[in-house]
């Protein structure tokens, strides 16, 4: 069963991202987050939405006939 809210370390691992890169996304308000008692949480749906928003279409190398 997947969790809806992820901690910083889980998001860093999921996105293969350094702590400073994730901090930059927070500072730029690119990725929403909640901070509770010093722990930062990210909503799984916001991460999926961010990935979809930044998705680039594939370009086939060969034309199919």
N, C-alpha and C. Protein backbone atom coordinates (compact mmCIF):
# COMPACT_ATOMS: atom_id res chain seq x y z
N UNK A 1 0.85 -1.18 0.00
CA UNK A 1 0.00 0.00 0.00
C UNK A 1 0.89 1.24 0.00
N UNK A 2 0.62 2.16 -0.90
CA UNK A 2 1.44 3.37 -0.99
C UNK A 2 0.92 4.44 -0.04
N UNK A 3 1.85 5.28 0.39
CA UNK A 3 1.51 6.37 1.31
C UNK A 3 1.15 7.61 0.50
N UNK A 4 0.26 8.41 1.03
CA UNK A 4 -0.12 9.64 0.35
C UNK A 4 0.91 10.74 0.60
N UNK A 5 1.45 10.79 1.84
CA UNK A 5 2.39 11.84 2.18
C UNK A 5 3.78 11.25 2.36
N UNK A 6 4.76 11.87 1.73
CA UNK A 6 6.13 11.39 1.75
C UNK A 6 7.03 12.39 2.44
N UNK A 7 8.06 11.88 3.12
CA UNK A 7 9.05 12.74 3.75
C UNK A 7 10.11 13.12 2.72
N UNK A 8 10.93 14.10 3.07
CA UNK A 8 11.96 14.62 2.18
C UNK A 8 12.87 13.51 1.65
N UNK A 9 13.33 12.63 2.53
CA UNK A 9 14.26 11.57 2.09
C UNK A 9 13.60 10.65 1.08
N UNK A 10 12.31 10.39 1.25
CA UNK A 10 11.60 9.52 0.31
C UNK A 10 11.47 10.18 -1.06
N UNK A 11 11.20 11.48 -1.07
CA UNK A 11 11.06 12.21 -2.33
C UNK A 11 12.42 12.31 -3.03
N UNK A 12 13.47 12.56 -2.26
CA UNK A 12 14.82 12.63 -2.85
C UNK A 12 15.18 11.31 -3.52
N UNK A 13 14.87 10.21 -2.88
CA UNK A 13 15.16 8.90 -3.44
C UNK A 13 14.29 8.63 -4.67
N UNK A 14 13.03 8.96 -4.58
CA UNK A 14 12.09 8.73 -5.67
C UNK A 14 12.49 9.50 -6.93
N UNK A 15 12.91 10.75 -6.75
CA UNK A 15 13.26 11.60 -7.89
C UNK A 15 14.76 11.62 -8.19
N UNK A 16 15.54 10.85 -7.43
CA UNK A 16 17.00 10.82 -7.58
C UNK A 16 17.55 12.25 -7.54
N UNK A 17 17.28 12.92 -6.44
CA UNK A 17 17.56 14.34 -6.31
C UNK A 17 18.33 14.61 -5.02
N UNK A 18 19.21 15.57 -5.06
CA UNK A 18 19.98 15.94 -3.87
C UNK A 18 19.11 16.80 -2.94
N UNK A 19 19.52 16.89 -1.67
CA UNK A 19 18.76 17.74 -0.73
C UNK A 19 18.67 19.19 -1.20
N UNK A 20 19.76 19.70 -1.76
CA UNK A 20 19.75 21.10 -2.19
C UNK A 20 18.84 21.31 -3.41
N UNK A 21 18.77 20.34 -4.29
CA UNK A 21 17.87 20.46 -5.45
C UNK A 21 16.42 20.48 -5.01
N UNK A 22 16.08 19.63 -4.05
CA UNK A 22 14.72 19.60 -3.54
C UNK A 22 14.42 20.90 -2.79
N UNK A 23 15.39 21.40 -2.05
CA UNK A 23 15.23 22.69 -1.35
C UNK A 23 14.99 23.81 -2.36
N UNK A 24 15.71 23.80 -3.48
CA UNK A 24 15.51 24.81 -4.51
C UNK A 24 14.09 24.76 -5.08
N UNK A 25 13.55 23.55 -5.26
CA UNK A 25 12.18 23.43 -5.76
C UNK A 25 11.18 23.97 -4.75
N UNK A 26 11.44 23.74 -3.47
CA UNK A 26 10.58 24.31 -2.42
C UNK A 26 10.67 25.83 -2.41
N UNK A 27 11.88 26.34 -2.45
CA UNK A 27 12.08 27.80 -2.40
C UNK A 27 11.42 28.50 -3.58
N UNK A 28 11.47 27.86 -4.75
CA UNK A 28 10.88 28.44 -5.96
C UNK A 28 9.38 28.18 -6.03
N UNK A 29 8.83 27.48 -5.03
CA UNK A 29 7.41 27.13 -4.98
C UNK A 29 6.99 26.28 -6.17
N UNK A 30 7.90 25.45 -6.66
CA UNK A 30 7.61 24.54 -7.76
C UNK A 30 6.88 23.31 -7.23
N UNK A 31 7.25 22.89 -6.03
CA UNK A 31 6.63 21.71 -5.43
C UNK A 31 6.02 22.11 -4.08
N UNK A 32 4.73 21.87 -3.91
CA UNK A 32 4.09 22.21 -2.63
C UNK A 32 4.56 21.27 -1.52
N UNK A 33 4.51 21.77 -0.29
CA UNK A 33 4.91 20.96 0.86
C UNK A 33 4.21 21.47 2.11
N UNK A 34 4.21 20.61 3.12
CA UNK A 34 3.70 20.98 4.44
C UNK A 34 4.80 20.73 5.44
N UNK A 35 4.92 21.60 6.42
CA UNK A 35 5.92 21.43 7.47
C UNK A 35 5.20 21.31 8.79
N UNK A 36 5.40 20.17 9.46
CA UNK A 36 4.76 19.91 10.74
C UNK A 36 5.83 19.50 11.75
N UNK A 37 5.96 20.27 12.81
CA UNK A 37 6.99 20.01 13.83
C UNK A 37 8.38 19.80 13.24
N UNK A 38 8.72 20.59 12.24
CA UNK A 38 10.05 20.53 11.65
C UNK A 38 10.23 19.47 10.59
N UNK A 39 9.23 18.63 10.36
CA UNK A 39 9.31 17.60 9.33
C UNK A 39 8.54 18.07 8.10
N UNK A 40 9.17 17.96 6.94
CA UNK A 40 8.55 18.39 5.69
C UNK A 40 7.91 17.18 5.02
N UNK A 41 6.67 17.38 4.57
CA UNK A 41 5.92 16.33 3.89
C UNK A 41 5.49 16.83 2.51
N UNK A 42 5.45 15.89 1.57
CA UNK A 42 5.02 16.17 0.20
C UNK A 42 3.86 15.25 -0.13
N UNK A 43 2.87 15.78 -0.81
CA UNK A 43 1.71 14.99 -1.23
C UNK A 43 2.09 14.23 -2.50
N UNK A 44 1.84 12.92 -2.49
CA UNK A 44 2.15 12.07 -3.64
C UNK A 44 1.51 12.64 -4.91
N UNK A 45 0.28 13.11 -4.82
CA UNK A 45 -0.43 13.64 -5.99
C UNK A 45 0.26 14.88 -6.56
N UNK A 46 0.86 15.70 -5.71
CA UNK A 46 1.59 16.87 -6.19
C UNK A 46 2.85 16.47 -6.95
N UNK A 47 3.50 15.40 -6.50
CA UNK A 47 4.69 14.91 -7.19
C UNK A 47 4.33 14.36 -8.56
N UNK A 48 3.24 13.59 -8.62
CA UNK A 48 2.77 13.05 -9.91
C UNK A 48 2.41 14.20 -10.85
N UNK A 49 1.74 15.20 -10.32
CA UNK A 49 1.34 16.36 -11.12
C UNK A 49 2.57 17.11 -11.66
N UNK A 50 3.60 17.25 -10.83
CA UNK A 50 4.84 17.90 -11.25
C UNK A 50 5.50 17.11 -12.38
N UNK A 51 5.52 15.79 -12.25
CA UNK A 51 6.11 14.94 -13.29
C UNK A 51 5.33 15.07 -14.60
N UNK A 52 4.01 15.05 -14.52
CA UNK A 52 3.18 15.18 -15.72
C UNK A 52 3.38 16.54 -16.39
N UNK A 53 3.47 17.58 -15.58
CA UNK A 53 3.64 18.94 -16.10
C UNK A 53 4.96 19.09 -16.87
N UNK A 54 5.99 18.38 -16.42
CA UNK A 54 7.31 18.50 -17.03
C UNK A 54 7.62 17.39 -18.03
N UNK A 55 6.63 16.61 -18.38
CA UNK A 55 6.80 15.49 -19.30
C UNK A 55 7.06 16.00 -20.71
N UNK A 56 8.03 15.43 -21.36
CA UNK A 56 8.36 15.77 -22.74
C UNK A 56 7.92 14.62 -23.64
N UNK A 57 7.30 14.92 -24.78
CA UNK A 57 6.86 13.84 -25.67
C UNK A 57 8.05 13.13 -26.31
N UNK A 58 7.87 11.85 -26.58
CA UNK A 58 8.91 11.07 -27.24
C UNK A 58 8.95 11.43 -28.71
N UNK A 59 10.14 11.39 -29.28
CA UNK A 59 10.31 11.62 -30.71
C UNK A 59 10.87 10.34 -31.32
N UNK A 60 10.08 9.66 -32.13
CA UNK A 60 10.58 8.43 -32.75
C UNK A 60 11.74 8.73 -33.69
N UNK A 61 12.75 7.85 -33.65
CA UNK A 61 13.92 8.02 -34.53
C UNK A 61 13.59 7.60 -35.95
N UNK A 62 12.69 6.66 -36.08
CA UNK A 62 12.35 6.13 -37.40
C UNK A 62 10.88 6.38 -37.69
N UNK A 63 10.59 6.63 -38.94
CA UNK A 63 9.21 6.79 -39.34
C UNK A 63 8.66 5.42 -39.71
N UNK A 64 7.54 5.08 -39.14
CA UNK A 64 6.90 3.80 -39.45
C UNK A 64 5.95 3.99 -40.61
N UNK A 65 5.93 2.99 -41.48
CA UNK A 65 5.05 3.08 -42.66
C UNK A 65 3.87 2.18 -42.53
